[in-house]
Amino acid sequence: RSSDLRGDLKAVEKVAQSGLDVYAHNVETVPELQRHVRDPRANFDQSISVLKHAKSVQPDIISKTSIMLGLGETDEQVYSTMKALREADVDCLTFGQYMQPTKRHLKIGRAH
């Protein structure tokens, strides 16, 4: 799995052209919950840019991302995120169930 390399597209290019079969970078959650879940240096738009750029410089590479469910996202937010990822030419999307590892971590959320 690749980091977003802080949005450095030259670095993304280097990784994408390194001989990988799959360029994997997780967007983690829907855009609306990003600021609550991810490191503030990362965001959904930056991740989309990274995934899109990797695919554009190495069209045969398989691009993959994942999102966690159970953080309070709505069905509509998930559908919208899936659409945005498809529009960015992401090939594979996996879903994981968020499980709160300790009481200090983010609580499991319910859609409102």
C-alpha atoms as a PDB file:
ATOM      1  CA  ARG A   1       0.000   0.000   0.000  1.00  0.00           C
ATOM      2  CA  SER A   2       1.340   3.439  -0.919  1.00  0.00           C
ATOM      3  CA  SER A   3       1.005   6.621   1.060  1.00  0.00           C
ATOM      4  CA  ASP A   4      -0.270   9.669  -0.775  1.00  0.00           C
ATOM      5  CA  LEU A   5       3.327  10.907  -0.773  1.00  0.00           C
ATOM      6  CA  ARG A   6       1.925  14.263   0.391  1.00  0.00           C
ATOM      7  CA  GLY A   7       0.477  14.760  -3.061  1.00  0.00           C
ATOM      8  CA  ASP A   8       3.918  14.816  -4.732  1.00  0.00           C
ATOM      9  CA  LEU A   9       2.921  13.620  -8.208  1.00  0.00           C
ATOM     10  CA  LYS A  10       6.540  13.140  -9.316  1.00  0.00           C
ATOM     11  CA  ALA A  11       7.003  10.691  -6.437  1.00  0.00           C
ATOM     12  CA  VAL A  12       3.702   8.984  -7.344  1.00  0.00           C
ATOM     13  CA  GLU A  13       4.985   8.637 -10.897  1.00  0.00           C
ATOM     14  CA  LYS A  14       8.199   7.028  -9.706  1.00  0.00           C
ATOM     15  CA  VAL A  15       6.316   4.488  -7.564  1.00  0.00           C
ATOM     16  CA  ALA A  16       3.761   3.759 -10.302  1.00  0.00           C
ATOM     17  CA  GLN A  17       6.522   3.094 -12.828  1.00  0.00           C
ATOM     18  CA  SER A  18       8.598   0.930 -10.490  1.00  0.00           C
ATOM     19  CA  GLY A  19       7.194  -2.359 -11.763  1.00  0.00           C
ATOM     20  CA  LEU A  20       4.182  -2.689  -9.471  1.00  0.00           C
ATOM     21  CA  ASP A  21       1.208  -4.730 -10.607  1.00  0.00           C
ATOM     22  CA  VAL A  22      -1.165  -2.906  -8.240  1.00  0.00           C
ATOM     23  CA  TYR A  23      -0.995   0.686  -7.012  1.00  0.00           C
ATOM     24  CA  ALA A  24      -2.917   0.654  -3.730  1.00  0.00           C
ATOM     25  CA  HIS A  25      -3.687   3.755  -1.728  1.00  0.00           C
ATOM     26  CA  ASN A  26      -6.567   3.889   0.742  1.00  0.00           C
ATOM     27  CA  VAL A  27      -8.930   6.851   0.868  1.00  0.00           C
ATOM     28  CA  GLU A  28     -10.047   5.463   4.278  1.00  0.00           C
ATOM     29  CA  THR A  29     -13.572   6.952   4.407  1.00  0.00           C
ATOM     30  CA  VAL A  30     -16.126   9.122   2.634  1.00  0.00           C
ATOM     31  CA  PRO A  31     -15.101  12.749   1.981  1.00  0.00           C
ATOM     32  CA  GLU A  32     -17.475  14.103   4.633  1.00  0.00           C
ATOM     33  CA  LEU A  33     -15.679  12.194   7.420  1.00  0.00           C
ATOM     34  CA  GLN A  34     -12.092  12.664   6.253  1.00  0.00           C
ATOM     35  CA  ARG A  35     -11.158  15.400   8.739  1.00  0.00           C
ATOM     36  CA  HIS A  36     -12.345  13.236  11.640  1.00  0.00           C
ATOM     37  CA  VAL A  37     -10.621  10.032  10.528  1.00  0.00           C
ATOM     38  CA  ARG A  38      -7.430  10.848   8.656  1.00  0.00           C
ATOM     39  CA  ASP A  39      -4.214  12.648   9.370  1.00  0.00           C
ATOM     40  CA  PRO A  40      -4.856  16.339   8.560  1.00  0.00           C
ATOM     41  CA  ARG A  41      -2.088  16.278   5.958  1.00  0.00           C
ATOM     42  CA  ALA A  42      -4.202  13.895   3.845  1.00  0.00           C
ATOM     43  CA  ASN A  43      -7.593  14.429   2.258  1.00  0.00           C
ATOM     44  CA  PHE A  44      -9.947  12.791  -0.222  1.00  0.00           C
ATOM     45  CA  ASP A  45      -9.145  15.100  -3.150  1.00  0.00           C
ATOM     46  CA  GLN A  46      -5.415  14.570  -2.712  1.00  0.00           C
ATOM     47  CA  SER A  47      -5.924  10.804  -2.613  1.00  0.00           C
ATOM     48  CA  ILE A  48      -8.072  10.901  -5.764  1.00  0.00           C
ATOM     49  CA  SER A  49      -5.371  12.944  -7.476  1.00  0.00           C
ATOM     50  CA  VAL A  50      -2.717  10.390  -6.490  1.00  0.00           C
ATOM     51  CA  LEU A  51      -4.762   7.403  -7.693  1.00  0.00           C
ATOM     52  CA  LYS A  52      -5.706   9.147 -10.937  1.00  0.00           C
ATOM     53  CA  HIS A  53      -2.113  10.193 -11.625  1.00  0.00           C
ATOM     54  CA  ALA A  54      -0.713   6.713 -10.986  1.00  0.00           C
ATOM     55  CA  LYS A  55      -3.161   5.312 -13.541  1.00  0.00           C
ATOM     56  CA  SER A  56      -2.456   8.069 -16.071  1.00  0.00           C
ATOM     57  CA  VAL A  57       1.323   7.507 -16.065  1.00  0.00           C
ATOM     58  CA  GLN A  58       1.039   3.700 -15.991  1.00  0.00           C
ATOM     59  CA  PRO A  59      -2.285   2.819 -17.691  1.00  0.00           C
ATOM     60  CA  ASP A  60      -1.825  -0.958 -17.322  1.00  0.00           C
ATOM     61  CA  ILE A  61      -1.400  -0.785 -13.553  1.00  0.00           C
ATOM     62  CA  ILE A  62      -4.338  -1.872 -11.417  1.00  0.00           C
ATOM     63  CA  SER A  63      -5.385   0.901  -9.051  1.00  0.00           C
ATOM     64  CA  LYS A  64      -6.970  -0.077  -5.744  1.00  0.00           C
ATOM     65  CA  THR A  65      -8.342   1.687  -2.720  1.00  0.00           C
ATOM     66  CA  SER A  66     -10.287   0.866   0.421  1.00  0.00           C
ATOM     67  CA  ILE A  67     -12.781   2.562   2.687  1.00  0.00           C
ATOM     68  CA  MET A  68     -13.879   1.688   6.206  1.00  0.00           C
ATOM     69  CA  LEU A  69     -17.564   1.436   7.004  1.00  0.00           C
ATOM     70  CA  GLY A  70     -19.023   1.990  10.440  1.00  0.00           C
ATOM     71  CA  LEU A  71     -17.801   5.530  11.063  1.00  0.00           C
ATOM     72  CA  GLY A  72     -21.196   7.191  10.651  1.00  0.00           C
ATOM     73  CA  GLU A  73     -21.312   7.463   6.859  1.00  0.00           C
ATOM     74  CA  THR A  74     -24.670   7.366   5.063  1.00  0.00           C
ATOM     75  CA  ASP A  75     -25.535   5.079   2.161  1.00  0.00           C
ATOM     76  CA  GLU A  76     -25.676   8.123  -0.128  1.00  0.00           C
ATOM     77  CA  GLN A  77     -22.180   9.208   0.943  1.00  0.00           C
ATOM     78  CA  VAL A  78     -20.860   5.716   0.178  1.00  0.00           C
ATOM     79  CA  TYR A  79     -22.551   5.690  -3.271  1.00  0.00           C
ATOM     80  CA  SER A  80     -21.189   9.146  -4.034  1.00  0.00           C
ATOM     81  CA  THR A  81     -17.681   8.064  -2.976  1.00  0.00           C
ATOM     82  CA  MET A  82     -17.906   4.966  -5.159  1.00  0.00           C
ATOM     83  CA  LYS A  83     -18.920   7.133  -8.117  1.00  0.00           C
ATOM     84  CA  ALA A  84     -16.020   9.556  -7.537  1.00  0.00           C
ATOM     85  CA  LEU A  85     -13.559   6.653  -7.369  1.00  0.00           C
ATOM     86  CA  ARG A  86     -14.907   5.142 -10.585  1.00  0.00           C
ATOM     87  CA  GLU A  87     -14.680   8.541 -12.303  1.00  0.00           C
ATOM     88  CA  ALA A  88     -11.021   8.652 -11.189  1.00  0.00           C
ATOM     89  CA  ASP A  89     -10.484   5.337 -13.027  1.00  0.00           C
ATOM     90  CA  VAL A  90      -9.889   3.338  -9.835  1.00  0.00           C
ATOM     91  CA  ASP A  91     -10.118  -0.354 -10.723  1.00  0.00           C
ATOM     92  CA  CYS A  92     -10.712  -2.021  -7.351  1.00  0.00           C
ATOM     93  CA  LEU A  93     -12.504  -0.925  -4.221  1.00  0.00           C
ATOM     94  CA  THR A  94     -12.628  -2.915  -1.007  1.00  0.00           C
ATOM     95  CA  PHE A  95     -14.708  -2.227   2.080  1.00  0.00           C
ATOM     96  CA  GLY A  96     -13.711  -2.944   5.637  1.00  0.00           C
ATOM     97  CA  GLN A  97     -15.729  -2.838   8.832  1.00  0.00           C
ATOM     98  CA  TYR A  98     -14.276  -0.337  11.285  1.00  0.00           C
ATOM     99  CA  MET A  99     -13.630  -1.920  14.655  1.00  0.00           C
ATOM    100  CA  GLN A 100     -12.635   0.417  17.504  1.00  0.00           C
ATOM    101  CA  PRO A 101      -9.270  -1.014  18.618  1.00  0.00           C
ATOM    102  CA  THR A 102      -9.181   0.737  22.008  1.00  0.00           C
ATOM    103  CA  LYS A 103     -11.362   3.196  23.921  1.00  0.00           C
ATOM    104  CA  ARG A 104      -8.902   5.941  22.912  1.00  0.00           C
ATOM    105  CA  HIS A 105      -9.697   5.438  19.219  1.00  0.00           C
ATOM    106  CA  LEU A 106     -12.614   6.769  17.207  1.00  0.00           C
ATOM    107  CA  LYS A 107     -15.951   5.307  18.280  1.00  0.00           C
ATOM    108  CA  ILE A 108     -18.028   3.255  15.866  1.00  0.00           C
ATOM    109  CA  GLY A 109     -20.554   5.586  14.280  1.00  0.00           C
ATOM    110  CA  ARG A 110     -24.089   5.248  13.049  1.00  0.00           C
ATOM    111  CA  ALA A 111     -25.541   7.139  10.099  1.00  0.00           C
ATOM    112  CA  HIS A 112     -28.047   9.790  11.122  1.00  0.00           C
END
